[in-house]
Amino acid sequence: MAIKVHPSFAIHAGEWLKTEIVEAHGVSINRLAETFGVSRQAISALLNGRAALSADMAIRFEYAFGVKAETLMRMQARHELAKAREHENMLAVERLVAA
């Protein structure tokens, strides 16, 4: 049986990065976007939870701040799964068995 993680533990990686890394280091969104070579809008959407963390962006954060990309990607995956679990009862899928 799989262990279910309570949704409160499934934090969006971008929101965590915003409070625990970016703001803690006093880095502006503009400077972060320039350093990462991405648009300000892309960084803002990620840090405000409107966009998912991509593997490329996770690596950028790893290089800039030392937080492991794998950790960030697991955090993002947990968040996405928790959001999907919120409406899993609305999925109409039959169990398939071998013939």
PDB file of N, CA and C in Angstrom:
ATOM      1  N   MET A   1       0.839  -1.173   0.000  1.00  0.00           N
ATOM      2  CA  MET A   1       0.000   0.000   0.000  1.00  0.00           C
ATOM      3  C   MET A   1       0.893   1.248   0.000  1.00  0.00           C
ATOM      4  N   ALA A   2       0.569   2.188  -0.872  1.00  0.00           N
ATOM      5  CA  ALA A   2       1.349   3.418  -0.975  1.00  0.00           C
ATOM      6  C   ALA A   2       1.013   4.371   0.162  1.00  0.00           C
ATOM      7  N   ILE A   3       2.000   5.076   0.610  1.00  0.00           N
ATOM      8  CA  ILE A   3       1.800   6.073   1.652  1.00  0.00           C
ATOM      9  C   ILE A   3       1.346   7.367   0.987  1.00  0.00           C
ATOM     10  N   LYS A   4       0.262   7.944   1.482  1.00  0.00           N
ATOM     11  CA  LYS A   4      -0.225   9.208   0.948  1.00  0.00           C
ATOM     12  C   LYS A   4       0.351  10.353   1.766  1.00  0.00           C
ATOM     13  N   VAL A   5       0.894  11.332   1.067  1.00  0.00           N
ATOM     14  CA  VAL A   5       1.436  12.523   1.724  1.00  0.00           C
ATOM     15  C   VAL A   5       0.299  13.520   1.877  1.00  0.00           C
ATOM     16  N   HIS A   6       0.163  14.072   3.065  1.00  0.00           N
ATOM     17  CA  HIS A   6      -0.872  15.075   3.297  1.00  0.00           C
ATOM     18  C   HIS A   6      -0.610  16.263   2.378  1.00  0.00           C
ATOM     19  N   PRO A   7      -1.664  16.803   1.748  1.00  0.00           N
ATOM     20  CA  PRO A   7      -1.486  17.922   0.814  1.00  0.00           C
ATOM     21  C   PRO A   7      -0.723  19.110   1.384  1.00  0.00           C
ATOM     22  N   SER A   8      -0.778  19.317   2.686  1.00  0.00           N
ATOM     23  CA  SER A   8      -0.064  20.450   3.281  1.00  0.00           C
ATOM     24  C   SER A   8       1.449  20.305   3.156  1.00  0.00           C
ATOM     25  N   PHE A   9       1.933  19.093   2.914  1.00  0.00           N
ATOM     26  CA  PHE A   9       3.362  18.872   2.735  1.00  0.00           C
ATOM     27  C   PHE A   9       3.786  19.014   1.286  1.00  0.00           C
ATOM     28  N   ALA A  10       2.827  19.132   0.396  1.00  0.00           N
ATOM     29  CA  ALA A  10       3.114  19.213  -1.033  1.00  0.00           C
ATOM     30  C   ALA A  10       3.167  20.675  -1.458  1.00  0.00           C
ATOM     31  N   ILE A  11       4.294  21.290  -1.250  1.00  0.00           N
ATOM     32  CA  ILE A  11       4.481  22.720  -1.522  1.00  0.00           C
ATOM     33  C   ILE A  11       4.991  22.902  -2.949  1.00  0.00           C
ATOM     34  N   HIS A  12       4.452  23.893  -3.640  1.00  0.00           N
ATOM     35  CA  HIS A  12       4.924  24.223  -4.982  1.00  0.00           C
ATOM     36  C   HIS A  12       6.388  24.632  -4.887  1.00  0.00           C
ATOM     37  N   ALA A  13       7.216  24.044  -5.723  1.00  0.00           N
ATOM     38  CA  ALA A  13       8.656  24.312  -5.663  1.00  0.00           C
ATOM     39  C   ALA A  13       8.977  25.787  -5.850  1.00  0.00           C
ATOM     40  N   GLY A  14       8.261  26.442  -6.743  1.00  0.00           N
ATOM     41  CA  GLY A  14       8.517  27.862  -6.988  1.00  0.00           C
ATOM     42  C   GLY A  14       8.214  28.731  -5.785  1.00  0.00           C
ATOM     43  N   GLU A  15       7.116  28.430  -5.106  1.00  0.00           N
ATOM     44  CA  GLU A  15       6.760  29.203  -3.921  1.00  0.00           C
ATOM     45  C   GLU A  15       7.793  28.997  -2.810  1.00  0.00           C
ATOM     46  N   TRP A  16       8.279  27.774  -2.684  1.00  0.00           N
ATOM     47  CA  TRP A  16       9.322  27.495  -1.688  1.00  0.00           C
ATOM     48  C   TRP A  16      10.607  28.232  -2.056  1.00  0.00           C
ATOM     49  N   LEU A  17      10.974  28.179  -3.333  1.00  0.00           N
ATOM     50  CA  LEU A  17      12.174  28.880  -3.786  1.00  0.00           C
ATOM     51  C   LEU A  17      12.080  30.379  -3.504  1.00  0.00           C
ATOM     52  N   LYS A  18      10.906  30.934  -3.722  1.00  0.00           N
ATOM     53  CA  LYS A  18      10.714  32.371  -3.509  1.00  0.00           C
ATOM     54  C   LYS A  18      11.017  32.756  -2.063  1.00  0.00           C
ATOM     55  N   THR A  19      10.392  32.054  -1.117  1.00  0.00           N
ATOM     56  CA  THR A  19      10.539  32.453   0.281  1.00  0.00           C
ATOM     57  C   THR A  19      11.846  32.001   0.908  1.00  0.00           C
ATOM     58  N   GLU A  20      12.260  30.777   0.615  1.00  0.00           N
ATOM     59  CA  GLU A  20      13.420  30.205   1.301  1.00  0.00           C
ATOM     60  C   GLU A  20      14.764  30.475   0.624  1.00  0.00           C
ATOM     61  N   ILE A  21      14.754  30.782  -0.653  1.00  0.00           N
ATOM     62  CA  ILE A  21      16.014  30.979  -1.368  1.00  0.00           C
ATOM     63  C   ILE A  21      16.140  32.407  -1.911  1.00  0.00           C
ATOM     64  N   VAL A  22      15.241  32.792  -2.802  1.00  0.00           N
ATOM     65  CA  VAL A  22      15.372  34.082  -3.494  1.00  0.00           C
ATOM     66  C   VAL A  22      15.270  35.248  -2.511  1.00  0.00           C
ATOM     67  N   GLU A  23      14.174  35.308  -1.755  1.00  0.00           N
ATOM     68  CA  GLU A  23      14.018  36.410  -0.797  1.00  0.00           C
ATOM     69  C   GLU A  23      15.073  36.340   0.301  1.00  0.00           C
ATOM     70  N   ALA A  24      15.406  35.128   0.737  1.00  0.00           N
ATOM     71  CA  ALA A  24      16.416  34.979   1.796  1.00  0.00           C
ATOM     72  C   ALA A  24      17.785  35.501   1.361  1.00  0.00           C
ATOM     73  N   HIS A  25      18.060  35.431   0.058  1.00  0.00           N
ATOM     74  CA  HIS A  25      19.332  35.930  -0.461  1.00  0.00           C
ATOM     75  C   HIS A  25      19.239  37.385  -0.937  1.00  0.00           C
ATOM     76  N   GLY A  26      18.050  37.969  -0.845  1.00  0.00           N
ATOM     77  CA  GLY A  26      17.871  39.363  -1.237  1.00  0.00           C
ATOM     78  C   GLY A  26      18.045  39.606  -2.726  1.00  0.00           C
ATOM     79  N   VAL A  27      17.675  38.624  -3.540  1.00  0.00           N
ATOM     80  CA  VAL A  27      17.827  38.740  -4.989  1.00  0.00           C
ATOM     81  C   VAL A  27      16.498  39.168  -5.604  1.00  0.00           C
ATOM     82  N   SER A  28      16.552  40.153  -6.495  1.00  0.00           N
ATOM     83  CA  SER A  28      15.331  40.617  -7.159  1.00  0.00           C
ATOM     84  C   SER A  28      14.968  39.681  -8.318  1.00  0.00           C
ATOM     85  N   ILE A  29      13.709  39.715  -8.696  1.00  0.00           N
ATOM     86  CA  ILE A  29      13.255  38.910  -9.836  1.00  0.00           C
ATOM     87  C   ILE A  29      13.980  39.348 -11.099  1.00  0.00           C
ATOM     88  N   ASN A  30      14.180  40.642 -11.262  1.00  0.00           N
ATOM     89  CA  ASN A  30      14.888  41.133 -12.452  1.00  0.00           C
ATOM     90  C   ASN A  30      16.312  40.590 -12.528  1.00  0.00           C
ATOM     91  N   ARG A  31      17.017  40.629 -11.409  1.00  0.00           N
ATOM     92  CA  ARG A  31      18.397  40.124 -11.396  1.00  0.00           C
ATOM     93  C   ARG A  31      18.422  38.622 -11.636  1.00  0.00           C
ATOM     94  N   LEU A  32      17.495  37.907 -11.037  1.00  0.00           N
ATOM     95  CA  LEU A  32      17.419  36.465 -11.216  1.00  0.00           C
ATOM     96  C   LEU A  32      17.150  36.120 -12.679  1.00  0.00           C
ATOM     97  N   ALA A  33      16.209  36.817 -13.297  1.00  0.00           N
ATOM     98  CA  ALA A  33      15.890  36.576 -14.711  1.00  0.00           C
ATOM     99  C   ALA A  33      17.101  36.844 -15.592  1.00  0.00           C
ATOM    100  N   GLU A  34      17.784  37.922 -15.327  1.00  0.00           N
ATOM    101  CA  GLU A  34      18.979  38.271 -16.109  1.00  0.00           C
ATOM    102  C   GLU A  34      20.068  37.213 -15.932  1.00  0.00           C
ATOM    103  N   THR A  35      20.308  36.814 -14.714  1.00  0.00           N
ATOM    104  CA  THR A  35      21.331  35.814 -14.413  1.00  0.00           C
ATOM    105  C   THR A  35      21.014  34.473 -15.055  1.00  0.00           C
ATOM    106  N   PHE A  36      19.728  34.086 -15.026  1.00  0.00           N
ATOM    107  CA  PHE A  36      19.297  32.800 -15.572  1.00  0.00           C
ATOM    108  C   PHE A  36      19.116  32.825 -17.093  1.00  0.00           C
ATOM    109  N   GLY A  37      19.063  34.024 -17.675  1.00  0.00           N
ATOM    110  CA  GLY A  37      18.855  34.124 -19.118  1.00  0.00           C
ATOM    111  C   GLY A  37      17.432  33.781 -19.531  1.00  0.00           C
ATOM    112  N   VAL A  38      16.475  34.127 -18.680  1.00  0.00           N
ATOM    113  CA  VAL A  38      15.061  33.888 -18.970  1.00  0.00           C
ATOM    114  C   VAL A  38      14.296  35.191 -18.741  1.00  0.00           C
ATOM    115  N   SER A  39      13.027  35.196 -19.141  1.00  0.00           N
ATOM    116  CA  SER A  39      12.235  36.416 -18.977  1.00  0.00           C
ATOM    117  C   SER A  39      11.830  36.623 -17.523  1.00  0.00           C
ATOM    118  N   ARG A  40      11.585  37.866 -17.190  1.00  0.00           N
ATOM    119  CA  ARG A  40      11.100  38.215 -15.860  1.00  0.00           C
ATOM    120  C   ARG A  40       9.758  37.541 -15.607  1.00  0.00           C
ATOM    121  N   GLN A  41       8.922  37.476 -16.651  1.00  0.00           N
ATOM    122  CA  GLN A  41       7.606  36.861 -16.536  1.00  0.00           C
ATOM    123  C   GLN A  41       7.713  35.377 -16.188  1.00  0.00           C
ATOM    124  N   ALA A  42       8.694  34.692 -16.776  1.00  0.00           N
ATOM    125  CA  ALA A  42       8.872  33.259 -16.490  1.00  0.00           C
ATOM    126  C   ALA A  42       9.256  33.043 -15.032  1.00  0.00           C
ATOM    127  N   ILE A  43      10.163  33.853 -14.527  1.00  0.00           N
ATOM    128  CA  ILE A  43      10.579  33.741 -13.118  1.00  0.00           C
ATOM    129  C   ILE A  43       9.416  34.087 -12.201  1.00  0.00           C
ATOM    130  N   SER A  44       8.708  35.158 -12.504  1.00  0.00           N
ATOM    131  CA  SER A  44       7.581  35.583 -11.678  1.00  0.00           C
ATOM    132  C   SER A  44       6.504  34.503 -11.619  1.00  0.00           C
ATOM    133  N   ALA A  45       6.174  33.924 -12.767  1.00  0.00           N
ATOM    134  CA  ALA A  45       5.147  32.871 -12.805  1.00  0.00           C
ATOM    135  C   ALA A  45       5.559  31.673 -11.962  1.00  0.00           C
ATOM    136  N   LEU A  46       6.815  31.294 -12.035  1.00  0.00           N
ATOM    137  CA  LEU A  46       7.309  30.168 -11.243  1.00  0.00           C
ATOM    138  C   LEU A  46       7.253  30.487  -9.757  1.00  0.00           C
ATOM    139  N   LEU A  47       7.823  31.603  -9.361  1.00  0.00           N
ATOM    140  CA  LEU A  47       7.927  31.945  -7.945  1.00  0.00           C
ATOM    141  C   LEU A  47       6.581  32.232  -7.291  1.00  0.00           C
ATOM    142  N   ASN A  48       5.587  32.569  -8.098  1.00  0.00           N
ATOM    143  CA  ASN A  48       4.254  32.833  -7.558  1.00  0.00           C
ATOM    144  C   ASN A  48       3.299  31.650  -7.750  1.00  0.00           C
ATOM    145  N   GLY A  49       3.846  30.503  -8.153  1.00  0.00           N
ATOM    146  CA  GLY A  49       3.059  29.279  -8.235  1.00  0.00           C
ATOM    147  C   GLY A  49       2.135  29.177  -9.426  1.00  0.00           C
ATOM    148  N   ARG A  50       2.328  30.024 -10.441  1.00  0.00           N
ATOM    149  CA  ARG A  50       1.480  29.977 -11.628  1.00  0.00           C
ATOM    150  C   ARG A  50       2.057  29.092 -12.721  1.00  0.00           C
ATOM    151  N   ALA A  51       3.309  28.701 -12.585  1.00  0.00           N
ATOM    152  CA  ALA A  51       3.971  27.828 -13.558  1.00  0.00           C
ATOM    153  C   ALA A  51       4.748  26.758 -12.811  1.00  0.00           C
ATOM    154  N   ALA A  52       4.831  25.591 -13.413  1.00  0.00           N
ATOM    155  CA  ALA A  52       5.570  24.484 -12.806  1.00  0.00           C
ATOM    156  C   ALA A  52       7.071  24.677 -13.007  1.00  0.00           C
ATOM    157  N   LEU A  53       7.831  24.107 -12.112  1.00  0.00           N
ATOM    158  CA  LEU A  53       9.289  24.119 -12.223  1.00  0.00           C
ATOM    159  C   LEU A  53       9.719  23.121 -13.289  1.00  0.00           C
ATOM    160  N   SER A  54      10.516  23.570 -14.240  1.00  0.00           N
ATOM    161  CA  SER A  54      11.058  22.674 -15.266  1.00  0.00           C
ATOM    162  C   SER A  54      12.416  22.158 -14.811  1.00  0.00           C
ATOM    163  N   ALA A  55      12.861  21.090 -15.435  1.00  0.00           N
ATOM    164  CA  ALA A  55      14.173  20.531 -15.107  1.00  0.00           C
ATOM    165  C   ALA A  55      15.281  21.546 -15.398  1.00  0.00           C
ATOM    166  N   ASP A  56      15.168  22.269 -16.512  1.00  0.00           N
ATOM    167  CA  ASP A  56      16.175  23.283 -16.845  1.00  0.00           C
ATOM    168  C   ASP A  56      16.251  24.374 -15.783  1.00  0.00           C
ATOM    169  N   MET A  57      15.090  24.809 -15.326  1.00  0.00           N
ATOM    170  CA  MET A  57      15.067  25.858 -14.305  1.00  0.00           C
ATOM    171  C   MET A  57      15.604  25.325 -12.981  1.00  0.00           C
ATOM    172  N   ALA A  58      15.309  24.072 -12.663  1.00  0.00           N
ATOM    173  CA  ALA A  58      15.842  23.467 -11.431  1.00  0.00           C
ATOM    174  C   ALA A  58      17.363  23.457 -11.462  1.00  0.00           C
ATOM    175  N   ILE A  59      17.929  23.161 -12.605  1.00  0.00           N
ATOM    176  CA  ILE A  59      19.396  23.156 -12.737  1.00  0.00           C
ATOM    177  C   ILE A  59      19.947  24.567 -12.573  1.00  0.00           C
ATOM    178  N   ARG A  60      19.249  25.552 -13.117  1.00  0.00           N
ATOM    179  CA  ARG A  60      19.688  26.939 -12.941  1.00  0.00           C
ATOM    180  C   ARG A  60      19.741  27.304 -11.458  1.00  0.00           C
ATOM    181  N   PHE A  61      18.707  26.915 -10.713  1.00  0.00           N
ATOM    182  CA  PHE A  61      18.699  27.199  -9.271  1.00  0.00           C
ATOM    183  C   PHE A  61      19.814  26.445  -8.561  1.00  0.00           C
ATOM    184  N   GLU A  62      20.092  25.226  -9.004  1.00  0.00           N
ATOM    185  CA  GLU A  62      21.190  24.458  -8.411  1.00  0.00           C
ATOM    186  C   GLU A  62      22.516  25.184  -8.608  1.00  0.00           C
ATOM    187  N   TYR A  63      22.772  25.655  -9.820  1.00  0.00           N
ATOM    188  CA  TYR A  63      24.022  26.355 -10.098  1.00  0.00           C
ATOM    189  C   TYR A  63      24.118  27.664  -9.312  1.00  0.00           C
ATOM    190  N   ALA A  64      23.007  28.395  -9.236  1.00  0.00           N
ATOM    191  CA  ALA A  64      23.026  29.713  -8.606  1.00  0.00           C
ATOM    192  C   ALA A  64      23.051  29.661  -7.081  1.00  0.00           C
ATOM    193  N   PHE A  65      22.337  28.694  -6.496  1.00  0.00           N
ATOM    194  CA  PHE A  65      22.166  28.699  -5.046  1.00  0.00           C
ATOM    195  C   PHE A  65      22.629  27.423  -4.341  1.00  0.00           C
ATOM    196  N   GLY A  66      22.955  26.385  -5.107  1.00  0.00           N
ATOM    197  CA  GLY A  66      23.450  25.153  -4.498  1.00  0.00           C
ATOM    198  C   GLY A  66      22.393  24.168  -4.052  1.00  0.00           C
ATOM    199  N   VAL A  67      21.110  24.491  -4.242  1.00  0.00           N
ATOM    200  CA  VAL A  67      20.042  23.555  -3.882  1.00  0.00           C
ATOM    201  C   VAL A  67      19.919  22.519  -5.005  1.00  0.00           C
ATOM    202  N   LYS A  68      19.891  21.253  -4.650  1.00  0.00           N
ATOM    203  CA  LYS A  68      19.922  20.178  -5.647  1.00  0.00           C
ATOM    204  C   LYS A  68      18.690  20.199  -6.545  1.00  0.00           C
ATOM    205  N   ALA A  69      18.925  20.113  -7.843  1.00  0.00           N
ATOM    206  CA  ALA A  69      17.843  20.083  -8.826  1.00  0.00           C
ATOM    207  C   ALA A  69      16.915  18.898  -8.580  1.00  0.00           C
ATOM    208  N   GLU A  70      17.466  17.763  -8.193  1.00  0.00           N
ATOM    209  CA  GLU A  70      16.658  16.568  -7.947  1.00  0.00           C
ATOM    210  C   GLU A  70      15.677  16.799  -6.798  1.00  0.00           C
ATOM    211  N   THR A  71      16.113  17.484  -5.771  1.00  0.00           N
ATOM    212  CA  THR A  71      15.249  17.799  -4.637  1.00  0.00           C
ATOM    213  C   THR A  71      14.100  18.695  -5.080  1.00  0.00           C
ATOM    214  N   LEU A  72      14.422  19.704  -5.872  1.00  0.00           N
ATOM    215  CA  LEU A  72      13.393  20.619  -6.361  1.00  0.00           C
ATOM    216  C   LEU A  72      12.393  19.904  -7.259  1.00  0.00           C
ATOM    217  N   MET A  73      12.880  19.011  -8.103  1.00  0.00           N
ATOM    218  CA  MET A  73      11.979  18.284  -9.003  1.00  0.00           C
ATOM    219  C   MET A  73      11.070  17.332  -8.227  1.00  0.00           C
ATOM    220  N   ARG A  74      11.587  16.702  -7.180  1.00  0.00           N
ATOM    221  CA  ARG A  74      10.742  15.843  -6.335  1.00  0.00           C
ATOM    222  C   ARG A  74       9.667  16.677  -5.643  1.00  0.00           C
ATOM    223  N   MET A  75      10.050  17.861  -5.180  1.00  0.00           N
ATOM    224  CA  MET A  75       9.098  18.756  -4.540  1.00  0.00           C
ATOM    225  C   MET A  75       7.983  19.126  -5.518  1.00  0.00           C
ATOM    226  N   GLN A  76       8.350  19.451  -6.742  1.00  0.00           N
ATOM    227  CA  GLN A  76       7.362  19.826  -7.755  1.00  0.00           C
ATOM    228  C   GLN A  76       6.454  18.644  -8.084  1.00  0.00           C
ATOM    229  N   ALA A  77       7.033  17.455  -8.213  1.00  0.00           N
ATOM    230  CA  ALA A  77       6.236  16.265  -8.525  1.00  0.00           C
ATOM    231  C   ALA A  77       5.247  15.956  -7.403  1.00  0.00           C
ATOM    232  N   ARG A  78       5.677  16.069  -6.144  1.00  0.00           N
ATOM    233  CA  ARG A  78       4.774  15.844  -5.007  1.00  0.00           C
ATOM    234  C   ARG A  78       3.615  16.826  -5.021  1.00  0.00           C
ATOM    235  N   HIS A  79       3.930  18.083  -5.355  1.00  0.00           N
ATOM    236  CA  HIS A  79       2.889  19.108  -5.421  1.00  0.00           C
ATOM    237  C   HIS A  79       1.871  18.773  -6.511  1.00  0.00           C
ATOM    238  N   GLU A  80       2.350  18.420  -7.687  1.00  0.00           N
ATOM    239  CA  GLU A  80       1.452  18.120  -8.799  1.00  0.00           C
ATOM    240  C   GLU A  80       0.588  16.896  -8.499  1.00  0.00           C
ATOM    241  N   LEU A  81       1.165  15.876  -7.887  1.00  0.00           N
ATOM    242  CA  LEU A  81       0.400  14.684  -7.539  1.00  0.00           C
ATOM    243  C   LEU A  81      -0.650  15.000  -6.477  1.00  0.00           C
ATOM    244  N   ALA A  82      -0.304  15.810  -5.508  1.00  0.00           N
ATOM    245  CA  ALA A  82      -1.276  16.192  -4.477  1.00  0.00           C
ATOM    246  C   ALA A  82      -2.442  16.951  -5.090  1.00  0.00           C
ATOM    247  N   LYS A  83      -2.156  17.834  -6.038  1.00  0.00           N
ATOM    248  CA  LYS A  83      -3.231  18.564  -6.721  1.00  0.00           C
ATOM    249  C   LYS A  83      -4.114  17.608  -7.514  1.00  0.00           C
ATOM    250  N   ALA A  84      -3.537  16.622  -8.167  1.00  0.00           N
ATOM    251  CA  ALA A  84      -4.319  15.638  -8.928  1.00  0.00           C
ATOM    252  C   ALA A  84      -5.164  14.782  -7.990  1.00  0.00           C
ATOM    253  N   ARG A  85      -4.626  14.434  -6.834  1.00  0.00           N
ATOM    254  CA  ARG A  85      -5.355  13.613  -5.862  1.00  0.00           C
ATOM    255  C   ARG A  85      -6.609  14.322  -5.345  1.00  0.00           C
ATOM    256  N   GLU A  86      -6.614  15.650  -5.396  1.00  0.00           N
ATOM    257  CA  GLU A  86      -7.767  16.400  -4.915  1.00  0.00           C
ATOM    258  C   GLU A  86      -9.031  16.072  -5.697  1.00  0.00           C
ATOM    259  N   HIS A  87      -8.865  15.642  -6.949  1.00  0.00           N
ATOM    260  CA  HIS A  87     -10.037  15.330  -7.774  1.00  0.00           C
ATOM    261  C   HIS A  87      -9.974  13.926  -8.371  1.00  0.00           C
ATOM    262  N   GLU A  88      -9.211  13.047  -7.760  1.00  0.00           N
ATOM    263  CA  GLU A  88      -9.081  11.697  -8.297  1.00  0.00           C
ATOM    264  C   GLU A  88     -10.392  10.929  -8.285  1.00  0.00           C
ATOM    265  N   ASN A  89     -11.293  11.270  -7.370  1.00  0.00           N
ATOM    266  CA  ASN A  89     -12.571  10.570  -7.313  1.00  0.00           C
ATOM    267  C   ASN A  89     -13.456  10.873  -8.522  1.00  0.00           C
ATOM    268  N   MET A  90     -13.118  11.870  -9.304  1.00  0.00           N
ATOM    269  CA  MET A  90     -13.886  12.212 -10.500  1.00  0.00           C
ATOM    270  C   MET A  90     -13.373  11.471 -11.738  1.00  0.00           C
ATOM    271  N   LEU A  91     -12.304  10.708 -11.603  1.00  0.00           N
ATOM    272  CA  LEU A  91     -11.760   9.954 -12.725  1.00  0.00           C
ATOM    273  C   LEU A  91     -12.525   8.635 -12.866  1.00  0.00           C
ATOM    274  N   ALA A  92     -12.958   8.362 -14.071  1.00  0.00           N
ATOM    275  CA  ALA A  92     -13.695   7.122 -14.330  1.00  0.00           C
ATOM    276  C   ALA A  92     -12.790   6.181 -15.103  1.00  0.00           C
ATOM    277  N   VAL A  93     -12.054   5.372 -14.365  1.00  0.00           N
ATOM    278  CA  VAL A  93     -11.107   4.445 -14.981  1.00  0.00           C
ATOM    279  C   VAL A  93     -11.338   3.060 -14.409  1.00  0.00           C
ATOM    280  N   GLU A  94     -11.480   2.087 -15.293  1.00  0.00           N
ATOM    281  CA  GLU A  94     -11.638   0.713 -14.858  1.00  0.00           C
ATOM    282  C   GLU A  94     -10.271   0.087 -14.665  1.00  0.00           C
ATOM    283  N   ARG A  95     -10.195  -0.873 -13.749  1.00  0.00           N
ATOM    284  CA  ARG A  95      -8.964  -1.629 -13.539  1.00  0.00           C
ATOM    285  C   ARG A  95      -8.817  -2.620 -14.686  1.00  0.00           C
ATOM    286  N   LEU A  96      -7.650  -2.663 -15.266  1.00  0.00           N
ATOM    287  CA  LEU A  96      -7.355  -3.604 -16.344  1.00  0.00           C
ATOM    288  C   LEU A  96      -6.633  -4.809 -15.759  1.00  0.00           C
ATOM    289  N   VAL A  97      -7.034  -5.973 -16.184  1.00  0.00           N
ATOM    290  CA  VAL A  97      -6.400  -7.203 -15.730  1.00  0.00           C
ATOM    291  C   VAL A  97      -5.928  -7.984 -16.952  1.00  0.00           C
ATOM    292  N   ALA A  98      -4.898  -8.756 -16.771  1.00  0.00           N
ATOM    293  CA  ALA A  98      -4.341  -9.569 -17.862  1.00  0.00           C
ATOM    294  C   ALA A  98      -5.381 -10.597 -18.301  1.00  0.00           C
ATOM    295  N   ALA A  99      -5.414 -10.849 -19.595  1.00  0.00           N
ATOM    296  CA  ALA A  99      -6.375 -11.817 -20.134  1.00  0.00           C
ATOM    297  C   ALA A  99      -5.953 -13.233 -19.881  1.00  0.00           C
TER     298      ALA A  99
END
